C-alpha atoms as a PDB file:
ATOM      1  CA  MET A   1      -8.120  -9.965 -21.289  1.00  0.00           C
ATOM      2  CA  ASP A   2     -11.107 -11.435 -19.453  1.00  0.00           C
ATOM      3  CA  LEU A   3     -11.600 -10.800 -15.750  1.00  0.00           C
ATOM      4  CA  TYR A   4     -14.141 -12.339 -13.384  1.00  0.00           C
ATOM      5  CA  LEU A   5     -16.513 -10.040 -11.495  1.00  0.00           C
ATOM      6  CA  PRO A   6     -17.445 -11.746  -8.190  1.00  0.00           C
ATOM      7  CA  ILE A   7     -20.578  -9.724  -7.387  1.00  0.00           C
ATOM      8  CA  ALA A   8     -21.893  -9.647 -10.964  1.00  0.00           C
ATOM      9  CA  ASN A   9     -20.907 -13.331 -11.329  1.00  0.00           C
ATOM     10  CA  LEU A  10     -19.627 -13.045 -14.902  1.00  0.00           C
ATOM     11  CA  SER A  11     -16.446 -12.419 -16.898  1.00  0.00           C
ATOM     12  CA  VAL A  12     -15.780  -9.185 -18.806  1.00  0.00           C
ATOM     13  CA  ASN A  13     -13.158  -7.794 -21.153  1.00  0.00           C
ATOM     14  CA  GLY A  14     -10.967  -5.652 -18.896  1.00  0.00           C
ATOM     15  CA  VAL A  15      -9.689  -3.458 -21.734  1.00  0.00           C
ATOM     16  CA  TRP A  16     -13.239  -2.523 -22.770  1.00  0.00           C
ATOM     17  CA  ILE A  17     -14.194  -1.554 -19.211  1.00  0.00           C
ATOM     18  CA  VAL A  18     -11.035   0.565 -18.791  1.00  0.00           C
ATOM     19  CA  ALA A  19     -11.744   2.358 -22.098  1.00  0.00           C
ATOM     20  CA  LEU A  20     -15.289   3.088 -20.922  1.00  0.00           C
ATOM     21  CA  GLY A  21     -13.951   4.595 -17.708  1.00  0.00           C
ATOM     22  CA  MET A  22     -11.536   6.823 -19.639  1.00  0.00           C
ATOM     23  CA  LEU A  23     -14.313   8.086 -21.929  1.00  0.00           C
ATOM     24  CA  THR A  24     -16.597   9.061 -19.072  1.00  0.00           C
ATOM     25  CA  GLY A  25     -13.676  10.690 -17.246  1.00  0.00           C
ATOM     26  CA  ILE A  26     -13.087  12.968 -20.240  1.00  0.00           C
ATOM     27  CA  LEU A  27     -16.790  13.876 -20.375  1.00  0.00           C
ATOM     28  CA  SER A  28     -16.739  14.656 -16.657  1.00  0.00           C
ATOM     29  CA  GLY A  29     -13.970  17.218 -16.951  1.00  0.00           C
ATOM     30  CA  LEU A  30     -15.376  18.889 -20.058  1.00  0.00           C
ATOM     31  CA  PHE A  31     -19.067  19.225 -19.279  1.00  0.00           C
ATOM     32  CA  GLY A  32     -19.429  18.906 -15.507  1.00  0.00           C
ATOM     33  CA  VAL A  33     -21.298  15.616 -15.677  1.00  0.00           C
ATOM     34  CA  GLY A  34     -20.176  12.585 -13.744  1.00  0.00           C
ATOM     35  CA  GLY A  35     -20.525  10.312 -16.773  1.00  0.00           C
ATOM     36  CA  GLY A  36     -22.732   7.827 -14.953  1.00  0.00           C
ATOM     37  CA  PHE A  37     -25.601   8.483 -17.377  1.00  0.00           C
ATOM     38  CA  LEU A  38     -23.398   6.786 -19.989  1.00  0.00           C
ATOM     39  CA  THR A  39     -21.463   4.323 -17.823  1.00  0.00           C
ATOM     40  CA  THR A  40     -24.430   2.571 -16.217  1.00  0.00           C
ATOM     41  CA  PRO A  41     -26.532   1.921 -19.358  1.00  0.00           C
ATOM     42  CA  LEU A  42     -23.438   0.793 -21.295  1.00  0.00           C
ATOM     43  CA  LEU A  43     -22.579  -1.648 -18.516  1.00  0.00           C
ATOM     44  CA  ILE A  44     -26.170  -2.919 -18.576  1.00  0.00           C
ATOM     45  CA  PHE A  45     -26.018  -3.372 -22.362  1.00  0.00           C
ATOM     46  CA  TYR A  46     -22.766  -5.292 -21.842  1.00  0.00           C
ATOM     47  CA  GLY A  47     -24.673  -7.782 -19.692  1.00  0.00           C
ATOM     48  CA  ILE A  48     -23.888  -6.621 -16.161  1.00  0.00           C
ATOM     49  CA  PRO A  49     -26.933  -6.731 -13.819  1.00  0.00           C
ATOM     50  CA  PRO A  50     -28.519  -3.264 -13.429  1.00  0.00           C
ATOM     51  CA  THR A  51     -28.114  -3.239  -9.632  1.00  0.00           C
ATOM     52  CA  VAL A  52     -24.382  -3.985  -9.858  1.00  0.00           C
ATOM     53  CA  ALA A  53     -23.931  -1.542 -12.753  1.00  0.00           C
ATOM     54  CA  ALA A  54     -25.633   1.317 -10.889  1.00  0.00           C
ATOM     55  CA  ALA A  55     -23.801   0.704  -7.607  1.00  0.00           C
ATOM     56  CA  SER A  56     -20.352   0.197  -9.152  1.00  0.00           C
ATOM     57  CA  ALA A  57     -20.656   3.147 -11.545  1.00  0.00           C
ATOM     58  CA  SER A  58     -20.918   5.489  -8.553  1.00  0.00           C
ATOM     59  CA  THR A  59     -17.307   4.729  -7.637  1.00  0.00           C
ATOM     60  CA  GLN A  60     -16.120   5.693 -11.118  1.00  0.00           C
ATOM     61  CA  VAL A  61     -18.144   8.899 -11.060  1.00  0.00           C
ATOM     62  CA  THR A  62     -16.529   9.826  -7.733  1.00  0.00           C
ATOM     63  CA  GLY A  63     -13.023   9.278  -9.070  1.00  0.00           C
ATOM     64  CA  ALA A  64     -13.690  11.147 -12.298  1.00  0.00           C
ATOM     65  CA  SER A  65     -15.030  14.148 -10.389  1.00  0.00           C
ATOM     66  CA  VAL A  66     -11.943  14.627  -8.182  1.00  0.00           C
ATOM     67  CA  SER A  67      -9.623  15.853 -10.928  1.00  0.00           C
ATOM     68  CA  GLY A  68     -12.385  18.014 -12.389  1.00  0.00           C
ATOM     69  CA  VAL A  69     -13.065  19.776  -9.083  1.00  0.00           C
ATOM     70  CA  LEU A  70      -9.349  20.433  -8.517  1.00  0.00           C
ATOM     71  CA  ALA A  71      -8.925  21.889 -12.006  1.00  0.00           C
ATOM     72  CA  HIS A  72     -11.942  24.196 -11.729  1.00  0.00           C
ATOM     73  CA  SER A  73     -11.005  25.186  -8.181  1.00  0.00           C
ATOM     74  CA  LYS A  74      -7.652  26.529  -9.385  1.00  0.00           C
ATOM     75  CA  ARG A  75      -9.528  28.775 -11.811  1.00  0.00           C
ATOM     76  CA  LYS A  76     -11.947  29.873  -9.064  1.00  0.00           C
ATOM     77  CA  GLY A  77     -14.727  28.135 -10.947  1.00  0.00           C
ATOM     78  CA  VAL A  78     -16.459  26.592  -7.915  1.00  0.00           C
ATOM     79  CA  ASP A  79     -19.139  28.229  -5.782  1.00  0.00           C
ATOM     80  CA  TYR A  80     -18.503  26.388  -2.523  1.00  0.00           C
ATOM     81  CA  LYS A  81     -21.397  27.996  -0.673  1.00  0.00           C
ATOM     82  CA  LEU A  82     -24.030  27.046  -3.241  1.00  0.00           C
ATOM     83  CA  GLY A  83     -22.310  23.710  -3.799  1.00  0.00           C
ATOM     84  CA  GLY A  84     -22.488  23.008  -0.067  1.00  0.00           C
ATOM     85  CA  VAL A  85     -26.242  23.591  -0.101  1.00  0.00           C
ATOM     86  CA  THR A  86     -26.733  21.176  -3.012  1.00  0.00           C
ATOM     87  CA  VAL A  87     -24.495  18.620  -1.278  1.00  0.00           C
ATOM     88  CA  ALA A  88     -26.628  18.841   1.889  1.00  0.00           C
ATOM     89  CA  GLY A  89     -29.732  18.214  -0.207  1.00  0.00           C
ATOM     90  CA  GLY A  90     -27.954  15.446  -2.084  1.00  0.00           C
ATOM     91  CA  LEU A  91     -27.010  13.592   1.101  1.00  0.00           C
ATOM     92  CA  PHE A  92     -30.615  13.747   2.300  1.00  0.00           C
ATOM     93  CA  GLY A  93     -31.827  12.601  -1.115  1.00  0.00           C
ATOM     94  CA  SER A  94     -29.328   9.728  -1.057  1.00  0.00           C
ATOM     95  CA  GLY A  95     -30.891   8.483   2.158  1.00  0.00           C
ATOM     96  CA  ILE A  96     -34.331   8.549   0.530  1.00  0.00           C
ATOM     97  CA  GLY A  97     -32.882   6.811  -2.518  1.00  0.00           C
ATOM     98  CA  ALA A  98     -31.337   4.087  -0.332  1.00  0.00           C
ATOM     99  CA  LEU A  99     -34.723   3.346   1.237  1.00  0.00           C
ATOM    100  CA  LEU A 100     -36.345   3.176  -2.209  1.00  0.00           C
ATOM    101  CA  PHE A 101     -33.526   0.988  -3.551  1.00  0.00           C
ATOM    102  CA  ASN A 102     -33.812  -1.494  -0.668  1.00  0.00           C
ATOM    103  CA  PHE A 103     -37.603  -1.601  -0.941  1.00  0.00           C
ATOM    104  CA  LEU A 104     -37.556  -2.209  -4.701  1.00  0.00           C
ATOM    105  CA  GLN A 105     -34.821  -4.805  -4.247  1.00  0.00           C
ATOM    106  CA  SER A 106     -36.876  -6.621  -1.592  1.00  0.00           C
ATOM    107  CA  VAL A 107     -39.880  -6.881  -3.926  1.00  0.00           C
ATOM    108  CA  GLY A 108     -37.686  -7.904  -6.869  1.00  0.00           C
ATOM    109  CA  GLN A 109     -38.417  -4.855  -9.032  1.00  0.00           C
ATOM    110  CA  ILE A 110     -35.196  -2.827  -8.797  1.00  0.00           C
ATOM    111  CA  ASP A 111     -33.773  -4.028 -12.147  1.00  0.00           C
ATOM    112  CA  VAL A 112     -37.026  -3.182 -13.927  1.00  0.00           C
ATOM    113  CA  VAL A 113     -37.199   0.280 -12.346  1.00  0.00           C
ATOM    114  CA  ILE A 114     -33.571   1.087 -13.237  1.00  0.00           C
ATOM    115  CA  ASN A 115     -34.147   0.061 -16.854  1.00  0.00           C
ATOM    116  CA  ILE A 116     -37.351   2.117 -17.087  1.00  0.00           C
ATOM    117  CA  LEU A 117     -35.679   5.184 -15.561  1.00  0.00           C
ATOM    118  CA  TYR A 118     -32.864   4.982 -18.101  1.00  0.00           C
ATOM    119  CA  VAL A 119     -35.281   4.620 -21.011  1.00  0.00           C
ATOM    120  CA  ILE A 120     -37.141   7.732 -19.822  1.00  0.00           C
ATOM    121  CA  MET A 121     -33.962   9.700 -19.095  1.00  0.00           C
ATOM    122  CA  LEU A 122     -32.097   8.925 -22.314  1.00  0.00           C
ATOM    123  CA  GLY A 123     -35.271   9.305 -24.378  1.00  0.00           C
ATOM    124  CA  THR A 124     -35.937  12.740 -22.885  1.00  0.00           C
ATOM    125  CA  ILE A 125     -32.354  13.911 -23.379  1.00  0.00           C
ATOM    126  CA  GLY A 126     -32.331  12.624 -26.958  1.00  0.00           C
ATOM    127  CA  SER A 127     -35.632  14.341 -27.763  1.00  0.00           C
ATOM    128  CA  LEU A 128     -34.464  17.678 -26.368  1.00  0.00           C
ATOM    129  CA  MET A 129     -31.184  17.475 -28.291  1.00  0.00           C
ATOM    130  CA  ALA A 130     -33.015  16.595 -31.516  1.00  0.00           C
ATOM    131  CA  ARG A 131     -35.426  19.498 -31.021  1.00  0.00           C
ATOM    132  CA  GLU A 132     -32.599  21.954 -30.390  1.00  0.00           C
ATOM    133  CA  ALA A 133     -30.697  20.700 -33.440  1.00  0.00           C
ATOM    134  CA  TRP A 134     -33.804  21.045 -35.620  1.00  0.00           C
ATOM    135  CA  GLU A 135     -34.422  24.605 -34.431  1.00  0.00           C
ATOM    136  CA  THR A 136     -30.793  25.472 -35.183  1.00  0.00           C
ATOM    137  CA  ILE A 137     -30.938  24.027 -38.699  1.00  0.00           C
ATOM    138  CA  SER A 138     -34.311  25.528 -39.635  1.00  0.00           C
ATOM    139  CA  PRO A 139     -34.929  28.703 -37.604  1.00  0.00           C
ATOM    140  CA  SER A 140     -38.447  30.088 -37.710  1.00  0.00           C
ATOM    141  CA  PRO A 141     -39.226  33.637 -38.942  1.00  0.00           C
ATOM    142  CA  ARG A 142     -39.852  34.601 -35.330  1.00  0.00           C
ATOM    143  CA  ALA A 143     -36.175  34.039 -34.608  1.00  0.00           C
ATOM    144  CA  LYS A 144     -35.421  37.313 -36.383  1.00  0.00           C
ATOM    145  CA  ILE A 145     -37.538  39.221 -33.885  1.00  0.00           C
ATOM    146  CA  LYS A 146     -35.491  40.632 -31.069  1.00  0.00           C
ATOM    147  CA  ALA A 147     -35.946  38.435 -28.032  1.00  0.00           C
ATOM    148  CA  ALA A 148     -37.165  39.866 -24.757  1.00  0.00           C
ATOM    149  CA  PRO A 149     -34.614  40.084 -21.960  1.00  0.00           C
ATOM    150  CA  LYS A 150     -34.346  36.807 -20.067  1.00  0.00           C
ATOM    151  CA  ARG A 151     -35.045  36.605 -16.365  1.00  0.00           C
ATOM    152  CA  ARG A 152     -32.090  36.152 -14.089  1.00  0.00           C
ATOM    153  CA  HIS A 153     -33.683  33.061 -12.605  1.00  0.00           C
ATOM    154  CA  HIS A 154     -36.966  31.151 -12.816  1.00  0.00           C
ATOM    155  CA  PRO A 155     -40.058  32.852 -11.288  1.00  0.00           C
ATOM    156  CA  LEU A 156     -40.576  29.874  -8.958  1.00  0.00           C
ATOM    157  CA  VAL A 157     -37.105  30.431  -7.521  1.00  0.00           C
ATOM    158  CA  ALA A 158     -37.856  34.116  -7.007  1.00  0.00           C
ATOM    159  CA  ALA A 159     -41.034  33.216  -5.089  1.00  0.00           C
ATOM    160  CA  LEU A 160     -39.268  31.070  -2.467  1.00  0.00           C
ATOM    161  CA  PRO A 161     -38.733  32.542   1.027  1.00  0.00           C
ATOM    162  CA  LEU A 162     -35.339  33.260   2.632  1.00  0.00           C
ATOM    163  CA  ARG A 163     -32.632  34.741   0.476  1.00  0.00           C
ATOM    164  CA  TRP A 164     -28.897  34.217   0.620  1.00  0.00           C
ATOM    165  CA  ARG A 165     -26.242  35.911  -1.421  1.00  0.00           C
ATOM    166  CA  PHE A 166     -24.002  33.563  -3.386  1.00  0.00           C
ATOM    167  CA  TYR A 167     -21.168  35.848  -4.432  1.00  0.00           C
ATOM    168  CA  SER A 168     -19.266  33.447  -6.704  1.00  0.00           C
ATOM    169  CA  SER A 169     -22.407  32.749  -8.742  1.00  0.00           C
ATOM    170  CA  GLY A 170     -23.676  36.317  -8.644  1.00  0.00           C
ATOM    171  CA  LEU A 171     -26.995  35.184  -7.150  1.00  0.00           C
ATOM    172  CA  TYR A 172     -29.316  36.440  -4.438  1.00  0.00           C
ATOM    173  CA  ILE A 173     -31.850  33.617  -4.107  1.00  0.00           C
ATOM    174  CA  SER A 174     -33.466  31.316  -1.572  1.00  0.00           C
ATOM    175  CA  PRO A 175     -31.228  28.389  -0.518  1.00  0.00           C
ATOM    176  CA  LEU A 176     -34.321  26.181  -0.777  1.00  0.00           C
ATOM    177  CA  ALA A 177     -33.972  26.097  -4.580  1.00  0.00           C
ATOM    178  CA  PRO A 178     -30.497  24.484  -4.706  1.00  0.00           C
ATOM    179  CA  LEU A 179     -31.431  22.357  -1.667  1.00  0.00           C
ATOM    180  CA  ILE A 180     -34.447  20.841  -3.454  1.00  0.00           C
ATOM    181  CA  LEU A 181     -32.363  20.370  -6.587  1.00  0.00           C
ATOM    182  CA  GLY A 182     -29.767  18.529  -4.503  1.00  0.00           C
ATOM    183  CA  VAL A 183     -32.398  16.198  -3.018  1.00  0.00           C
ATOM    184  CA  LEU A 184     -33.585  15.215  -6.500  1.00  0.00           C
ATOM    185  CA  VAL A 185     -30.026  14.557  -7.660  1.00  0.00           C
ATOM    186  CA  GLY A 186     -29.302  12.473  -4.542  1.00  0.00           C
ATOM    187  CA  ILE A 187     -32.279  10.198  -5.183  1.00  0.00           C
ATOM    188  CA  LEU A 188     -31.312   9.683  -8.833  1.00  0.00           C
ATOM    189  CA  THR A 189     -27.674   9.049  -7.916  1.00  0.00           C
ATOM    190  CA  MET A 190     -28.629   6.306  -5.473  1.00  0.00           C
ATOM    191  CA  LEU A 191     -31.127   4.626  -7.791  1.00  0.00           C
ATOM    192  CA  MET A 192     -29.328   4.963 -11.121  1.00  0.00           C
ATOM    193  CA  GLY A 193     -25.624   5.353 -10.348  1.00  0.00           C
ATOM    194  CA  VAL A 194     -25.487   8.697 -12.160  1.00  0.00           C
ATOM    195  CA  GLY A 195     -23.710  11.788 -10.910  1.00  0.00           C
ATOM    196  CA  GLY A 196     -26.666  13.991 -11.755  1.00  0.00           C
ATOM    197  CA  GLY A 197     -24.659  16.515 -13.759  1.00  0.00           C
ATOM    198  CA  PHE A 198     -26.991  16.094 -16.736  1.00  0.00           C
ATOM    199  CA  ILE A 199     -29.695  17.599 -14.506  1.00  0.00           C
ATOM    200  CA  LEU A 200     -27.571  19.917 -12.378  1.00  0.00           C
ATOM    201  CA  VAL A 201     -25.812  21.817 -15.169  1.00  0.00           C
ATOM    202  CA  PRO A 202     -28.928  22.888 -17.147  1.00  0.00           C
ATOM    203  CA  ALA A 203     -30.888  23.480 -13.923  1.00  0.00           C
ATOM    204  CA  MET A 204     -28.147  25.707 -12.521  1.00  0.00           C
ATOM    205  CA  LEU A 205     -28.028  27.676 -15.755  1.00  0.00           C
ATOM    206  CA  TYR A 206     -31.706  28.045 -16.636  1.00  0.00           C
ATOM    207  CA  ILE A 207     -33.520  27.693 -13.294  1.00  0.00           C
ATOM    208  CA  LEU A 208     -31.105  29.139 -10.753  1.00  0.00           C
ATOM    209  CA  GLY A 209     -29.566  31.555 -13.265  1.00  0.00           C
ATOM    210  CA  MET A 210     -25.968  30.852 -12.217  1.00  0.00           C
ATOM    211  CA  SER A 211     -22.979  32.436 -13.893  1.00  0.00           C
ATOM    212  CA  ALA A 212     -21.717  30.083 -16.609  1.00  0.00           C
ATOM    213  CA  ASN A 213     -18.093  30.195 -15.449  1.00  0.00           C
ATOM    214  CA  VAL A 214     -18.889  28.438 -12.140  1.00  0.00           C
ATOM    215  CA  VAL A 215     -21.589  25.990 -13.255  1.00  0.00           C
ATOM    216  CA  VAL A 216     -19.348  23.091 -14.301  1.00  0.00           C
ATOM    217  CA  GLY A 217     -17.057  23.284 -11.268  1.00  0.00           C
ATOM    218  CA  THR A 218     -19.941  23.609  -8.797  1.00  0.00           C
ATOM    219  CA  SER A 219     -21.751  20.693 -10.429  1.00  0.00           C
ATOM    220  CA  LEU A 220     -18.650  18.507 -10.092  1.00  0.00           C
ATOM    221  CA  PHE A 221     -18.249  19.599  -6.456  1.00  0.00           C
ATOM    222  CA  ASN A 222     -21.759  18.319  -5.723  1.00  0.00           C
ATOM    223  CA  ILE A 223     -21.241  15.133  -7.715  1.00  0.00           C
ATOM    224  CA  LEU A 224     -18.007  14.323  -5.862  1.00  0.00           C
ATOM    225  CA  PHE A 225     -19.507  14.276  -2.383  1.00  0.00           C
ATOM    226  CA  VAL A 226     -22.929  12.863  -3.248  1.00  0.00           C
ATOM    227  CA  THR A 227     -21.536   9.927  -5.245  1.00  0.00           C
ATOM    228  CA  MET A 228     -19.015   9.285  -2.469  1.00  0.00           C
ATOM    229  CA  ALA A 229     -21.898   9.003  -0.005  1.00  0.00           C
ATOM    230  CA  THR A 230     -24.027   6.824  -2.283  1.00  0.00           C
ATOM    231  CA  THR A 231     -21.097   4.487  -2.932  1.00  0.00           C
ATOM    232  CA  MET A 232     -20.678   3.966   0.819  1.00  0.00           C
ATOM    233  CA  MET A 233     -24.424   3.407   1.223  1.00  0.00           C
ATOM    234  CA  HIS A 234     -24.429   0.823  -1.567  1.00  0.00           C
ATOM    235  CA  ALA A 235     -21.420  -0.956  -0.065  1.00  0.00           C
ATOM    236  CA  LEU A 236     -22.956  -1.088   3.419  1.00  0.00           C
ATOM    237  CA  THR A 237     -26.638  -1.678   2.630  1.00  0.00           C
ATOM    238  CA  THR A 238     -27.239  -3.145  -0.832  1.00  0.00           C
ATOM    239  CA  ARG A 239     -23.783  -4.811  -1.121  1.00  0.00           C
ATOM    240  CA  ALA A 240     -24.012  -4.416  -4.885  1.00  0.00           C
ATOM    241  CA  VAL A 241     -20.625  -2.728  -5.437  1.00  0.00           C
ATOM    242  CA  ASP A 242     -18.323  -5.023  -7.433  1.00  0.00           C
ATOM    243  CA  ILE A 243     -14.800  -4.030  -6.375  1.00  0.00           C
ATOM    244  CA  VAL A 244     -13.157  -5.527  -9.488  1.00  0.00           C
ATOM    245  CA  LEU A 245     -15.504  -3.627 -11.803  1.00  0.00           C
ATOM    246  CA  ALA A 246     -15.044  -0.438  -9.764  1.00  0.00           C
ATOM    247  CA  VAL A 247     -11.240  -0.648 -10.000  1.00  0.00           C
ATOM    248  CA  LEU A 248     -11.373  -1.214 -13.772  1.00  0.00           C
ATOM    249  CA  LEU A 249     -13.576   1.859 -14.208  1.00  0.00           C
ATOM    250  CA  LEU A 250     -11.232   3.968 -12.072  1.00  0.00           C
ATOM    251  CA  VAL A 251      -8.032   3.023 -13.958  1.00  0.00           C
END
């Protein structure tokens, strides 16, 4: 079943797009990632222009995050206070990302930049996964030595001024750390159409030192509001959101 995408100016197989949306929705609920890091590059490989793929994928990430947030909220798996701080940073970062997107679009380099960012991102993720798998398969003799106790959070986080207590996460840290993290995620969400969960989840665990039982839900909480904002920005400023493609991804 072929459908015409007016903004992308091409026809696509509707069944394939719907299946892609379902796959990323499952990943969103399981791992706390929006799924955009898969949706956008797959759409680009399918032949959809990078600008349209990035802008339209944000709508799917928003929809996929709603059910995930509700499910984790029922289990008290969302730290709303820390999530609110990351959302504030994400909204600010989205504004910066919108300015960068419009500038790169005006000079005709946005497609190139999106492609380069995805090559770097997926290459880095793949390398880290391969390294971890190799270390698991062939552990070194040092692995038998009892490891030193891990810090609760990264030393850089501990050095930041102002400290708030985040009870749900069991943290007493500066709000500047999650705020800066949110800004970074907001910029990436606007430029690449990703939810940012692939950065948020490991950063919350290993940099902020959050409790594992609230990481996924809090990540989805941030993704929900930041992608909602970036989708509106794309629709109003870049006009790259293809409504037909967005609906297919949300089905």
